[in-house]
């Protein structure tokens, strides 16, 4: 299963907003839960709101996002989600060319 991606994707140059992965073909941003959700960034409510604000900006820019917990990765749910994402887009469709005689 090959999916083109970037790690630590920085989608807005004026902010320090990054996502763990960017699935390029799908304009999908992936976040592995940790950081503010587990008391990171010193667990302050203001930094959690700042983190949520970046989701809104990402959607405004045409990105979708998905968040996974470490358990999702360990139990294979993230892998299954990726397979379903790829299957939902199907194979690359091309328009056949008709040769004239």
C-alpha atoms as a PDB file:
ATOM      1  CA  UNK A   1       0.000   0.000   0.000  1.00  0.00           C
ATOM      2  CA  UNK A   2       1.818   3.086  -1.215  1.00  0.00           C
ATOM      3  CA  UNK A   3       0.611   6.513  -0.153  1.00  0.00           C
ATOM      4  CA  UNK A   4       2.686   9.634  -0.752  1.00  0.00           C
ATOM      5  CA  UNK A   5       3.145  11.642   2.424  1.00  0.00           C
ATOM      6  CA  UNK A   6       5.178  14.322   4.172  1.00  0.00           C
ATOM      7  CA  UNK A   7       6.136  14.231   7.837  1.00  0.00           C
ATOM      8  CA  UNK A   8       5.767  17.240  10.142  1.00  0.00           C
ATOM      9  CA  UNK A   9       3.724  19.133   7.569  1.00  0.00           C
ATOM     10  CA  UNK A  10       3.721  22.900   8.121  1.00  0.00           C
ATOM     11  CA  UNK A  11       0.650  24.163   6.275  1.00  0.00           C
ATOM     12  CA  UNK A  12       0.701  27.863   7.154  1.00  0.00           C
ATOM     13  CA  UNK A  13       4.015  29.669   7.001  1.00  0.00           C
ATOM     14  CA  UNK A  14       3.025  32.401   9.436  1.00  0.00           C
ATOM     15  CA  UNK A  15       2.198  30.004  12.266  1.00  0.00           C
ATOM     16  CA  UNK A  16       4.002  27.208  14.054  1.00  0.00           C
ATOM     17  CA  UNK A  17       1.172  24.849  13.177  1.00  0.00           C
ATOM     18  CA  UNK A  18       2.304  21.424  12.113  1.00  0.00           C
ATOM     19  CA  UNK A  19       0.625  18.094  11.606  1.00  0.00           C
ATOM     20  CA  UNK A  20       2.401  14.785  11.998  1.00  0.00           C
ATOM     21  CA  UNK A  21       1.641  13.663   8.427  1.00  0.00           C
ATOM     22  CA  UNK A  22       0.213  15.094   5.219  1.00  0.00           C
ATOM     23  CA  UNK A  23      -1.219  12.533   2.784  1.00  0.00           C
ATOM     24  CA  UNK A  24      -0.456  14.487  -0.365  1.00  0.00           C
ATOM     25  CA  UNK A  25      -2.896  12.921  -2.863  1.00  0.00           C
ATOM     26  CA  UNK A  26      -5.814  13.163  -0.437  1.00  0.00           C
ATOM     27  CA  UNK A  27      -5.113  16.594   1.126  1.00  0.00           C
ATOM     28  CA  UNK A  28      -5.478  14.787   4.433  1.00  0.00           C
ATOM     29  CA  UNK A  29      -3.641  15.851   7.590  1.00  0.00           C
ATOM     30  CA  UNK A  30      -2.932  13.211  10.220  1.00  0.00           C
ATOM     31  CA  UNK A  31      -2.394  13.960  13.882  1.00  0.00           C
ATOM     32  CA  UNK A  32      -1.102  11.387  16.342  1.00  0.00           C
ATOM     33  CA  UNK A  33      -2.722  12.303  19.655  1.00  0.00           C
ATOM     34  CA  UNK A  34      -0.317  13.290  22.334  1.00  0.00           C
ATOM     35  CA  UNK A  35       0.875  16.815  22.994  1.00  0.00           C
ATOM     36  CA  UNK A  36      -2.025  18.920  24.258  1.00  0.00           C
ATOM     37  CA  UNK A  37      -4.378  15.963  24.662  1.00  0.00           C
ATOM     38  CA  UNK A  38      -2.116  14.185  27.113  1.00  0.00           C
ATOM     39  CA  UNK A  39      -1.041  17.212  29.112  1.00  0.00           C
ATOM     40  CA  UNK A  40       1.686  18.286  26.696  1.00  0.00           C
ATOM     41  CA  UNK A  41       2.307  21.993  26.099  1.00  0.00           C
ATOM     42  CA  UNK A  42       2.003  22.181  29.873  1.00  0.00           C
ATOM     43  CA  UNK A  43      -1.685  21.202  29.588  1.00  0.00           C
ATOM     44  CA  UNK A  44      -2.955  24.784  29.454  1.00  0.00           C
ATOM     45  CA  UNK A  45      -6.426  25.416  28.087  1.00  0.00           C
ATOM     46  CA  UNK A  46      -5.151  28.320  25.961  1.00  0.00           C
ATOM     47  CA  UNK A  47      -2.716  26.080  24.116  1.00  0.00           C
ATOM     48  CA  UNK A  48      -5.443  23.490  23.554  1.00  0.00           C
ATOM     49  CA  UNK A  49      -7.643  26.187  21.997  1.00  0.00           C
ATOM     50  CA  UNK A  50      -4.670  27.266  19.869  1.00  0.00           C
ATOM     51  CA  UNK A  51      -4.304  23.683  18.688  1.00  0.00           C
ATOM     52  CA  UNK A  52      -8.001  23.422  17.787  1.00  0.00           C
ATOM     53  CA  UNK A  53      -7.792  26.735  15.905  1.00  0.00           C
ATOM     54  CA  UNK A  54      -5.330  25.179  13.468  1.00  0.00           C
ATOM     55  CA  UNK A  55      -7.914  22.525  12.551  1.00  0.00           C
ATOM     56  CA  UNK A  56     -10.310  25.294  11.510  1.00  0.00           C
ATOM     57  CA  UNK A  57      -7.626  26.975   9.419  1.00  0.00           C
ATOM     58  CA  UNK A  58      -6.685  23.677   7.794  1.00  0.00           C
ATOM     59  CA  UNK A  59     -10.308  23.068   6.778  1.00  0.00           C
ATOM     60  CA  UNK A  60     -10.580  26.605   5.386  1.00  0.00           C
ATOM     61  CA  UNK A  61      -7.545  25.829   3.220  1.00  0.00           C
ATOM     62  CA  UNK A  62      -9.200  22.680   1.845  1.00  0.00           C
ATOM     63  CA  UNK A  63      -7.513  20.071   4.024  1.00  0.00           C
ATOM     64  CA  UNK A  64      -9.263  17.358   5.962  1.00  0.00           C
ATOM     65  CA  UNK A  65      -7.784  15.897   9.104  1.00  0.00           C
ATOM     66  CA  UNK A  66      -7.874  12.723  11.116  1.00  0.00           C
ATOM     67  CA  UNK A  67      -6.601  12.163  14.609  1.00  0.00           C
ATOM     68  CA  UNK A  68      -5.333   8.828  15.903  1.00  0.00           C
ATOM     69  CA  UNK A  69      -4.483   7.666  19.387  1.00  0.00           C
ATOM     70  CA  UNK A  70      -1.346   5.600  19.960  1.00  0.00           C
ATOM     71  CA  UNK A  71      -3.688   2.643  20.662  1.00  0.00           C
ATOM     72  CA  UNK A  72      -5.189   3.058  17.151  1.00  0.00           C
ATOM     73  CA  UNK A  73      -1.740   2.538  15.689  1.00  0.00           C
ATOM     74  CA  UNK A  74      -0.796  -0.332  17.993  1.00  0.00           C
ATOM     75  CA  UNK A  75      -4.057  -2.193  17.324  1.00  0.00           C
ATOM     76  CA  UNK A  76      -3.965  -1.704  13.544  1.00  0.00           C
ATOM     77  CA  UNK A  77      -6.979   0.625  13.316  1.00  0.00           C
ATOM     78  CA  UNK A  78      -4.905   3.360  11.671  1.00  0.00           C
ATOM     79  CA  UNK A  79      -3.668   0.904   9.035  1.00  0.00           C
ATOM     80  CA  UNK A  80      -7.233  -0.229   8.337  1.00  0.00           C
ATOM     81  CA  UNK A  81      -8.336   3.402   8.058  1.00  0.00           C
ATOM     82  CA  UNK A  82      -5.572   4.068   5.506  1.00  0.00           C
ATOM     83  CA  UNK A  83      -6.621   1.026   3.467  1.00  0.00           C
ATOM     84  CA  UNK A  84     -10.238   2.189   3.492  1.00  0.00           C
ATOM     85  CA  UNK A  85      -9.181   5.710   2.485  1.00  0.00           C
ATOM     86  CA  UNK A  86      -7.218   4.378  -0.455  1.00  0.00           C
ATOM     87  CA  UNK A  87     -10.052   2.022  -1.492  1.00  0.00           C
ATOM     88  CA  UNK A  88     -12.641   4.805  -1.309  1.00  0.00           C
ATOM     89  CA  UNK A  89     -10.753   6.778  -3.942  1.00  0.00           C
ATOM     90  CA  UNK A  90     -10.384   3.706  -6.165  1.00  0.00           C
ATOM     91  CA  UNK A  91      -7.873   3.298  -8.956  1.00  0.00           C
ATOM     92  CA  UNK A  92      -6.698   6.276 -10.949  1.00  0.00           C
ATOM     93  CA  UNK A  93      -9.204   6.896 -13.714  1.00  0.00           C
ATOM     94  CA  UNK A  94      -8.026   7.942 -17.145  1.00  0.00           C
ATOM     95  CA  UNK A  95      -9.980   8.787 -20.253  1.00  0.00           C
ATOM     96  CA  UNK A  96      -9.180   6.345 -23.050  1.00  0.00           C
ATOM     97  CA  UNK A  97      -8.138   7.857 -26.330  1.00  0.00           C
ATOM     98  CA  UNK A  98     -10.042   6.842 -29.420  1.00  0.00           C
ATOM     99  CA  UNK A  99      -7.886   6.507 -32.466  1.00  0.00           C
ATOM    100  CA  UNK A 100      -9.455   7.641 -35.704  1.00  0.00           C
ATOM    101  CA  UNK A 101      -8.828   5.729 -38.912  1.00  0.00           C
END
